[in-house]
Amino acid sequence: MSEVDAIDLVQSAIFTVLIASAPAVGIAMAVGIAIALLQALTQVQEMTLTFIPKIVAILVVAALSATFMGAHIFALTETVYGRIANGF
């Protein structure tokens, strides 16, 4: 395996992690901003108020986008195994 192959595999892995985690991170940011705005408007500064809605939203989005995430991870796995079978 050359340096170019290793860099390409690492780049593909990082890109796959970014794409697979994007729905959960995006919804966590949106829910966090909405709750922060609600807290600023009502002046309720409860620390635990931010965690429960974020956790629920992330679990719902993870359940709904599991096939999307799995497809990207499966494609990376096929690529890596294909390179191993071909000897890079």
PDB file of N, CA and C in Angstrom:
ATOM      1  N   MET A   1       0.848  -1.171   0.000  1.00  0.00           N
ATOM      2  CA  MET A   1       0.000   0.000   0.000  1.00  0.00           C
ATOM      3  C   MET A   1       0.893   1.233   0.000  1.00  0.00           C
ATOM      4  N   SER A   2       0.631   2.097  -0.931  1.00  0.00           N
ATOM      5  CA  SER A   2       1.420   3.326  -1.016  1.00  0.00           C
ATOM      6  C   SER A   2       0.777   4.424  -0.167  1.00  0.00           C
ATOM      7  N   GLU A   3       1.473   5.517  -0.051  1.00  0.00           N
ATOM      8  CA  GLU A   3       0.949   6.645   0.718  1.00  0.00           C
ATOM      9  C   GLU A   3      -0.314   7.217   0.091  1.00  0.00           C
ATOM     10  N   VAL A   4      -0.366   7.203  -1.222  1.00  0.00           N
ATOM     11  CA  VAL A   4      -1.543   7.730  -1.925  1.00  0.00           C
ATOM     12  C   VAL A   4      -2.773   6.884  -1.615  1.00  0.00           C
ATOM     13  N   ASP A   5      -2.598   5.552  -1.585  1.00  0.00           N
ATOM     14  CA  ASP A   5      -3.717   4.668  -1.250  1.00  0.00           C
ATOM     15  C   ASP A   5      -4.195   4.890   0.178  1.00  0.00           C
ATOM     16  N   ALA A   6      -3.247   5.042   1.102  1.00  0.00           N
ATOM     17  CA  ALA A   6      -3.609   5.260   2.503  1.00  0.00           C
ATOM     18  C   ALA A   6      -4.343   6.589   2.673  1.00  0.00           C
ATOM     19  N   ILE A   7      -3.856   7.623   2.031  1.00  0.00           N
ATOM     20  CA  ILE A   7      -4.508   8.925   2.118  1.00  0.00           C
ATOM     21  C   ILE A   7      -5.904   8.871   1.500  1.00  0.00           C
ATOM     22  N   ASP A   8      -6.044   8.145   0.400  1.00  0.00           N
ATOM     23  CA  ASP A   8      -7.352   8.015  -0.240  1.00  0.00           C
ATOM     24  C   ASP A   8      -8.342   7.275   0.660  1.00  0.00           C
ATOM     25  N   LEU A   9      -7.881   6.215   1.332  1.00  0.00           N
ATOM     26  CA  LEU A   9      -8.760   5.489   2.244  1.00  0.00           C
ATOM     27  C   LEU A   9      -9.163   6.344   3.436  1.00  0.00           C
ATOM     28  N   VAL A  10      -8.218   7.072   4.002  1.00  0.00           N
ATOM     29  CA  VAL A  10      -8.534   7.930   5.141  1.00  0.00           C
ATOM     30  C   VAL A  10      -9.484   9.038   4.713  1.00  0.00           C
ATOM     31  N   GLN A  11      -9.258   9.605   3.541  1.00  0.00           N
ATOM     32  CA  GLN A  11     -10.135  10.654   3.033  1.00  0.00           C
ATOM     33  C   GLN A  11     -11.554  10.112   2.819  1.00  0.00           C
ATOM     34  N   SER A  12     -11.667   8.924   2.268  1.00  0.00           N
ATOM     35  CA  SER A  12     -12.991   8.315   2.073  1.00  0.00           C
ATOM     36  C   SER A  12     -13.672   8.028   3.405  1.00  0.00           C
ATOM     37  N   ALA A  13     -12.909   7.573   4.385  1.00  0.00           N
ATOM     38  CA  ALA A  13     -13.480   7.278   5.698  1.00  0.00           C
ATOM     39  C   ALA A  13     -13.969   8.549   6.383  1.00  0.00           C
ATOM     40  N   ILE A  14     -13.188   9.614   6.321  1.00  0.00           N
ATOM     41  CA  ILE A  14     -13.596  10.879   6.940  1.00  0.00           C
ATOM     42  C   ILE A  14     -14.831  11.434   6.247  1.00  0.00           C
ATOM     43  N   PHE A  15     -14.856  11.373   4.924  1.00  0.00           N
ATOM     44  CA  PHE A  15     -16.015  11.859   4.179  1.00  0.00           C
ATOM     45  C   PHE A  15     -17.264  11.049   4.532  1.00  0.00           C
ATOM     46  N   THR A  16     -17.120   9.732   4.688  1.00  0.00           N
ATOM     47  CA  THR A  16     -18.245   8.878   5.044  1.00  0.00           C
ATOM     48  C   THR A  16     -18.770   9.212   6.431  1.00  0.00           C
ATOM     49  N   VAL A  17     -17.867   9.464   7.375  1.00  0.00           N
ATOM     50  CA  VAL A  17     -18.296   9.831   8.728  1.00  0.00           C
ATOM     51  C   VAL A  17     -19.039  11.166   8.705  1.00  0.00           C
ATOM     52  N   LEU A  18     -18.533  12.120   7.945  1.00  0.00           N
ATOM     53  CA  LEU A  18     -19.194  13.419   7.853  1.00  0.00           C
ATOM     54  C   LEU A  18     -20.589  13.299   7.247  1.00  0.00           C
ATOM     55  N   ILE A  19     -20.716  12.549   6.180  1.00  0.00           N
ATOM     56  CA  ILE A  19     -22.003  12.389   5.509  1.00  0.00           C
ATOM     57  C   ILE A  19     -22.978  11.599   6.382  1.00  0.00           C
ATOM     58  N   ALA A  20     -22.490  10.535   7.033  1.00  0.00           N
ATOM     59  CA  ALA A  20     -23.384   9.700   7.838  1.00  0.00           C
ATOM     60  C   ALA A  20     -23.856  10.415   9.101  1.00  0.00           C
ATOM     61  N   SER A  21     -23.033  11.291   9.645  1.00  0.00           N
ATOM     62  CA  SER A  21     -23.426  11.983  10.871  1.00  0.00           C
ATOM     63  C   SER A  21     -24.141  13.308  10.614  1.00  0.00           C
ATOM     64  N   ALA A  22     -24.195  13.748   9.386  1.00  0.00           N
ATOM     65  CA  ALA A  22     -24.784  15.052   9.062  1.00  0.00           C
ATOM     66  C   ALA A  22     -26.249  15.187   9.481  1.00  0.00           C
ATOM     67  N   PRO A  23     -27.118  14.199   9.256  1.00  0.00           N
ATOM     68  CA  PRO A  23     -28.511  14.395   9.687  1.00  0.00           C
ATOM     69  C   PRO A  23     -28.654  14.581  11.196  1.00  0.00           C
ATOM     70  N   ALA A  24     -27.941  13.787  11.981  1.00  0.00           N
ATOM     71  CA  ALA A  24     -28.046  13.897  13.436  1.00  0.00           C
ATOM     72  C   ALA A  24     -27.458  15.206  13.940  1.00  0.00           C
ATOM     73  N   VAL A  25     -26.338  15.609  13.390  1.00  0.00           N
ATOM     74  CA  VAL A  25     -25.711  16.866  13.810  1.00  0.00           C
ATOM     75  C   VAL A  25     -26.576  18.057  13.403  1.00  0.00           C
ATOM     76  N   GLY A  26     -27.138  18.002  12.217  1.00  0.00           N
ATOM     77  CA  GLY A  26     -27.986  19.088  11.740  1.00  0.00           C
ATOM     78  C   GLY A  26     -29.222  19.276  12.598  1.00  0.00           C
ATOM     79  N   ILE A  27     -29.884  18.183  12.945  1.00  0.00           N
ATOM     80  CA  ILE A  27     -31.088  18.310  13.764  1.00  0.00           C
ATOM     81  C   ILE A  27     -30.730  18.722  15.183  1.00  0.00           C
ATOM     82  N   ALA A  28     -29.584  18.287  15.689  1.00  0.00           N
ATOM     83  CA  ALA A  28     -29.163  18.710  17.029  1.00  0.00           C
ATOM     84  C   ALA A  28     -28.900  20.215  17.057  1.00  0.00           C
ATOM     85  N   MET A  29     -28.301  20.724  15.994  1.00  0.00           N
ATOM     86  CA  MET A  29     -28.065  22.171  15.932  1.00  0.00           C
ATOM     87  C   MET A  29     -29.384  22.931  15.839  1.00  0.00           C
ATOM     88  N   ALA A  30     -30.300  22.447  15.017  1.00  0.00           N
ATOM     89  CA  ALA A  30     -31.585  23.135  14.858  1.00  0.00           C
ATOM     90  C   ALA A  30     -32.387  23.131  16.161  1.00  0.00           C
ATOM     91  N   VAL A  31     -32.445  21.996  16.828  1.00  0.00           N
ATOM     92  CA  VAL A  31     -33.169  21.912  18.094  1.00  0.00           C
ATOM     93  C   VAL A  31     -32.479  22.766  19.155  1.00  0.00           C
ATOM     94  N   GLY A  32     -31.164  22.759  19.175  1.00  0.00           N
ATOM     95  CA  GLY A  32     -30.426  23.577  20.130  1.00  0.00           C
ATOM     96  C   GLY A  32     -30.678  25.060  19.951  1.00  0.00           C
ATOM     97  N   ILE A  33     -30.704  25.507  18.707  1.00  0.00           N
ATOM     98  CA  ILE A  33     -30.974  26.923  18.434  1.00  0.00           C
ATOM     99  C   ILE A  33     -32.412  27.283  18.817  1.00  0.00           C
ATOM    100  N   ALA A  34     -33.355  26.398  18.512  1.00  0.00           N
ATOM    101  CA  ALA A  34     -34.756  26.663  18.861  1.00  0.00           C
ATOM    102  C   ALA A  34     -34.939  26.738  20.372  1.00  0.00           C
ATOM    103  N   ILE A  35     -34.294  25.835  21.101  1.00  0.00           N
ATOM    104  CA  ILE A  35     -34.429  25.851  22.561  1.00  0.00           C
ATOM    105  C   ILE A  35     -33.722  27.065  23.152  1.00  0.00           C
ATOM    106  N   ALA A  36     -32.577  27.429  22.604  1.00  0.00           N
ATOM    107  CA  ALA A  36     -31.874  28.622  23.088  1.00  0.00           C
ATOM    108  C   ALA A  36     -32.714  29.875  22.865  1.00  0.00           C
ATOM    109  N   LEU A  37     -33.367  29.944  21.714  1.00  0.00           N
ATOM    110  CA  LEU A  37     -34.245  31.080  21.452  1.00  0.00           C
ATOM    111  C   LEU A  37     -35.429  31.094  22.423  1.00  0.00           C
ATOM    112  N   LEU A  38     -36.008  29.927  22.666  1.00  0.00           N
ATOM    113  CA  LEU A  38     -37.110  29.824  23.618  1.00  0.00           C
ATOM    114  C   LEU A  38     -36.669  30.227  25.031  1.00  0.00           C
ATOM    115  N   GLN A  39     -35.480  29.785  25.418  1.00  0.00           N
ATOM    116  CA  GLN A  39     -34.967  30.151  26.741  1.00  0.00           C
ATOM    117  C   GLN A  39     -34.679  31.643  26.828  1.00  0.00           C
ATOM    118  N   ALA A  40     -34.186  32.231  25.764  1.00  0.00           N
ATOM    119  CA  ALA A  40     -33.901  33.662  25.777  1.00  0.00           C
ATOM    120  C   ALA A  40     -35.192  34.479  25.836  1.00  0.00           C
ATOM    121  N   LEU A  41     -36.221  34.003  25.154  1.00  0.00           N
ATOM    122  CA  LEU A  41     -37.483  34.731  25.156  1.00  0.00           C
ATOM    123  C   LEU A  41     -38.225  34.621  26.487  1.00  0.00           C
ATOM    124  N   THR A  42     -38.143  33.458  27.108  1.00  0.00           N
ATOM    125  CA  THR A  42     -38.876  33.260  28.356  1.00  0.00           C
ATOM    126  C   THR A  42     -38.027  33.457  29.599  1.00  0.00           C
ATOM    127  N   GLN A  43     -36.740  33.624  29.435  1.00  0.00           N
ATOM    128  CA  GLN A  43     -35.777  33.786  30.520  1.00  0.00           C
ATOM    129  C   GLN A  43     -35.777  32.605  31.483  1.00  0.00           C
ATOM    130  N   VAL A  44     -36.052  31.419  30.951  1.00  0.00           N
ATOM    131  CA  VAL A  44     -35.956  30.189  31.736  1.00  0.00           C
ATOM    132  C   VAL A  44     -34.588  29.598  31.444  1.00  0.00           C
ATOM    133  N   GLN A  45     -33.722  29.575  32.425  1.00  0.00           N
ATOM    134  CA  GLN A  45     -32.358  29.098  32.221  1.00  0.00           C
ATOM    135  C   GLN A  45     -32.158  27.749  32.916  1.00  0.00           C
ATOM    136  N   GLU A  46     -32.880  26.758  32.476  1.00  0.00           N
ATOM    137  CA  GLU A  46     -32.769  25.419  33.024  1.00  0.00           C
ATOM    138  C   GLU A  46     -31.803  24.619  32.157  1.00  0.00           C
ATOM    139  N   MET A  47     -30.756  24.082  32.759  1.00  0.00           N
ATOM    140  CA  MET A  47     -29.724  23.381  31.999  1.00  0.00           C
ATOM    141  C   MET A  47     -30.227  22.066  31.393  1.00  0.00           C
ATOM    142  N   THR A  48     -31.095  21.368  32.097  1.00  0.00           N
ATOM    143  CA  THR A  48     -31.557  20.076  31.597  1.00  0.00           C
ATOM    144  C   THR A  48     -32.584  20.213  30.487  1.00  0.00           C
ATOM    145  N   LEU A  49     -33.110  21.397  30.280  1.00  0.00           N
ATOM    146  CA  LEU A  49     -34.117  21.602  29.246  1.00  0.00           C
ATOM    147  C   LEU A  49     -33.546  21.373  27.846  1.00  0.00           C
ATOM    148  N   THR A  50     -32.268  21.574  27.665  1.00  0.00           N
ATOM    149  CA  THR A  50     -31.675  21.420  26.335  1.00  0.00           C
ATOM    150  C   THR A  50     -31.374  19.973  25.982  1.00  0.00           C
ATOM    151  N   PHE A  51     -31.117  19.133  26.970  1.00  0.00           N
ATOM    152  CA  PHE A  51     -30.657  17.782  26.676  1.00  0.00           C
ATOM    153  C   PHE A  51     -31.758  16.845  26.210  1.00  0.00           C
ATOM    154  N   ILE A  52     -32.883  16.826  26.868  1.00  0.00           N
ATOM    155  CA  ILE A  52     -33.939  15.865  26.544  1.00  0.00           C
ATOM    156  C   ILE A  52     -34.488  16.061  25.130  1.00  0.00           C
ATOM    157  N   PRO A  53     -34.855  17.269  24.710  1.00  0.00           N
ATOM    158  CA  PRO A  53     -35.342  17.411  23.324  1.00  0.00           C
ATOM    159  C   PRO A  53     -34.282  17.066  22.279  1.00  0.00           C
ATOM    160  N   LYS A  54     -33.020  17.393  22.552  1.00  0.00           N
ATOM    161  CA  LYS A  54     -31.960  17.044  21.608  1.00  0.00           C
ATOM    162  C   LYS A  54     -31.808  15.542  21.489  1.00  0.00           C
ATOM    163  N   ILE A  55     -31.824  14.850  22.611  1.00  0.00           N
ATOM    164  CA  ILE A  55     -31.672  13.395  22.586  1.00  0.00           C
ATOM    165  C   ILE A  55     -32.825  12.748  21.839  1.00  0.00           C
ATOM    166  N   VAL A  56     -34.041  13.193  22.111  1.00  0.00           N
ATOM    167  CA  VAL A  56     -35.210  12.630  21.427  1.00  0.00           C
ATOM    168  C   VAL A  56     -35.137  12.911  19.924  1.00  0.00           C
ATOM    169  N   ALA A  57     -34.786  14.139  19.554  1.00  0.00           N
ATOM    170  CA  ALA A  57     -34.700  14.492  18.137  1.00  0.00           C
ATOM    171  C   ALA A  57     -33.608  13.690  17.433  1.00  0.00           C
ATOM    172  N   ILE A  58     -32.474  13.516  18.077  1.00  0.00           N
ATOM    173  CA  ILE A  58     -31.388  12.743  17.464  1.00  0.00           C
ATOM    174  C   ILE A  58     -31.789  11.284  17.301  1.00  0.00           C
ATOM    175  N   LEU A  59     -32.464  10.717  18.289  1.00  0.00           N
ATOM    176  CA  LEU A  59     -32.906   9.327  18.167  1.00  0.00           C
ATOM    177  C   LEU A  59     -33.922   9.153  17.045  1.00  0.00           C
ATOM    178  N   VAL A  60     -34.838  10.098  16.914  1.00  0.00           N
ATOM    179  CA  VAL A  60     -35.833  10.019  15.837  1.00  0.00           C
ATOM    180  C   VAL A  60     -35.155  10.134  14.476  1.00  0.00           C
ATOM    181  N   VAL A  61     -34.251  11.097  14.339  1.00  0.00           N
ATOM    182  CA  VAL A  61     -33.559  11.275  13.054  1.00  0.00           C
ATOM    183  C   VAL A  61     -32.664  10.078  12.750  1.00  0.00           C
ATOM    184  N   ALA A  62     -32.003   9.540  13.762  1.00  0.00           N
ATOM    185  CA  ALA A  62     -31.170   8.353  13.541  1.00  0.00           C
ATOM    186  C   ALA A  62     -32.011   7.165  13.091  1.00  0.00           C
ATOM    187  N   ALA A  63     -33.197   7.024  13.667  1.00  0.00           N
ATOM    188  CA  ALA A  63     -34.073   5.928  13.254  1.00  0.00           C
ATOM    189  C   ALA A  63     -34.587   6.127  11.832  1.00  0.00           C
ATOM    190  N   LEU A  64     -34.894   7.376  11.479  1.00  0.00           N
ATOM    191  CA  LEU A  64     -35.422   7.636  10.139  1.00  0.00           C
ATOM    192  C   LEU A  64     -34.343   7.583   9.054  1.00  0.00           C
ATOM    193  N   SER A  65     -33.118   7.950   9.400  1.00  0.00           N
ATOM    194  CA  SER A  65     -32.059   7.988   8.394  1.00  0.00           C
ATOM    195  C   SER A  65     -31.065   6.840   8.541  1.00  0.00           C
ATOM    196  N   ALA A  66     -31.467   5.782   9.213  1.00  0.00           N
ATOM    197  CA  ALA A  66     -30.568   4.644   9.419  1.00  0.00           C
ATOM    198  C   ALA A  66     -30.193   3.976   8.098  1.00  0.00           C
ATOM    199  N   THR A  67     -31.130   3.877   7.169  1.00  0.00           N
ATOM    200  CA  THR A  67     -30.801   3.253   5.882  1.00  0.00           C
ATOM    201  C   THR A  67     -29.826   4.119   5.092  1.00  0.00           C
ATOM    202  N   PHE A  68     -29.971   5.425   5.173  1.00  0.00           N
ATOM    203  CA  PHE A  68     -29.049   6.346   4.507  1.00  0.00           C
ATOM    204  C   PHE A  68     -27.643   6.192   5.075  1.00  0.00           C
ATOM    205  N   MET A  69     -27.545   6.196   6.400  1.00  0.00           N
ATOM    206  CA  MET A  69     -26.241   6.042   7.043  1.00  0.00           C
ATOM    207  C   MET A  69     -25.635   4.678   6.734  1.00  0.00           C
ATOM    208  N   GLY A  70     -26.452   3.651   6.835  1.00  0.00           N
ATOM    209  CA  GLY A  70     -25.971   2.304   6.562  1.00  0.00           C
ATOM    210  C   GLY A  70     -25.502   2.122   5.136  1.00  0.00           C
ATOM    211  N   ALA A  71     -26.178   2.764   4.193  1.00  0.00           N
ATOM    212  CA  ALA A  71     -25.775   2.648   2.789  1.00  0.00           C
ATOM    213  C   ALA A  71     -24.405   3.268   2.553  1.00  0.00           C
ATOM    214  N   HIS A  72     -24.146   4.407   3.180  1.00  0.00           N
ATOM    215  CA  HIS A  72     -22.840   5.052   3.013  1.00  0.00           C
ATOM    216  C   HIS A  72     -21.730   4.248   3.687  1.00  0.00           C
ATOM    217  N   ILE A  73     -22.014   3.718   4.858  1.00  0.00           N
ATOM    218  CA  ILE A  73     -21.004   2.911   5.545  1.00  0.00           C
ATOM    219  C   ILE A  73     -20.769   1.606   4.791  1.00  0.00           C
ATOM    220  N   PHE A  74     -21.828   1.020   4.240  1.00  0.00           N
ATOM    221  CA  PHE A  74     -21.692  -0.207   3.456  1.00  0.00           C
ATOM    222  C   PHE A  74     -20.874   0.041   2.191  1.00  0.00           C
ATOM    223  N   ALA A  75     -21.094   1.185   1.546  1.00  0.00           N
ATOM    224  CA  ALA A  75     -20.322   1.507   0.339  1.00  0.00           C
ATOM    225  C   ALA A  75     -18.837   1.655   0.668  1.00  0.00           C
ATOM    226  N   LEU A  76     -18.522   2.285   1.783  1.00  0.00           N
ATOM    227  CA  LEU A  76     -17.119   2.395   2.187  1.00  0.00           C
ATOM    228  C   LEU A  76     -16.535   1.022   2.486  1.00  0.00           C
ATOM    229  N   THR A  77     -17.305   0.186   3.160  1.00  0.00           N
ATOM    230  CA  THR A  77     -16.830  -1.158   3.482  1.00  0.00           C
ATOM    231  C   THR A  77     -16.566  -1.962   2.217  1.00  0.00           C
ATOM    232  N   GLU A  78     -17.472  -1.884   1.242  1.00  0.00           N
ATOM    233  CA  GLU A  78     -17.247  -2.579  -0.026  1.00  0.00           C
ATOM    234  C   GLU A  78     -16.002  -2.076  -0.729  1.00  0.00           C
ATOM    235  N   THR A  79     -15.775  -0.771  -0.688  1.00  0.00           N
ATOM    236  CA  THR A  79     -14.587  -0.198  -1.315  1.00  0.00           C
ATOM    237  C   THR A  79     -13.316  -0.715  -0.650  1.00  0.00           C
ATOM    238  N   VAL A  80     -13.305  -0.714   0.669  1.00  0.00           N
ATOM    239  CA  VAL A  80     -12.116  -1.179   1.397  1.00  0.00           C
ATOM    240  C   VAL A  80     -11.874  -2.657   1.143  1.00  0.00           C
ATOM    241  N   TYR A  81     -12.916  -3.480   1.237  1.00  0.00           N
ATOM    242  CA  TYR A  81     -12.746  -4.917   0.985  1.00  0.00           C
ATOM    243  C   TYR A  81     -12.358  -5.188  -0.459  1.00  0.00           C
ATOM    244  N   GLY A  82     -12.885  -4.399  -1.389  1.00  0.00           N
ATOM    245  CA  GLY A  82     -12.494  -4.571  -2.785  1.00  0.00           C
ATOM    246  C   GLY A  82     -11.026  -4.242  -3.004  1.00  0.00           C
ATOM    247  N   ARG A  83     -10.531  -3.236  -2.322  1.00  0.00           N
ATOM    248  CA  ARG A  83      -9.106  -2.907  -2.435  1.00  0.00           C
ATOM    249  C   ARG A  83      -8.232  -3.969  -1.784  1.00  0.00           C
ATOM    250  N   ILE A  84      -8.722  -4.532  -0.684  1.00  0.00           N
ATOM    251  CA  ILE A  84      -7.956  -5.600  -0.046  1.00  0.00           C
ATOM    252  C   ILE A  84      -7.888  -6.820  -0.954  1.00  0.00           C
ATOM    253  N   ALA A  85      -9.005  -7.156  -1.593  1.00  0.00           N
ATOM    254  CA  ALA A  85      -9.041  -8.328  -2.488  1.00  0.00           C
ATOM    255  C   ALA A  85      -8.150  -8.121  -3.707  1.00  0.00           C
ATOM    256  N   ASN A  86      -8.085  -6.885  -4.204  1.00  0.00           N
ATOM    257  CA  ASN A  86      -7.262  -6.596  -5.387  1.00  0.00           C
ATOM    258  C   ASN A  86      -5.809  -6.300  -5.020  1.00  0.00           C
ATOM    259  N   GLY A  87      -5.510  -6.229  -3.763  1.00  0.00           N
ATOM    260  CA  GLY A  87      -4.145  -5.953  -3.347  1.00  0.00           C
ATOM    261  C   GLY A  87      -3.778  -4.490  -3.455  1.00  0.00           C
ATOM    262  N   PHE A  88      -4.755  -3.627  -3.349  1.00  0.00           N
ATOM    263  CA  PHE A  88      -4.587  -2.186  -3.463  1.00  0.00           C
ATOM    264  C   PHE A  88      -4.038  -1.895  -4.826  1.00  0.00           C
TER     265      PHE A  88
END
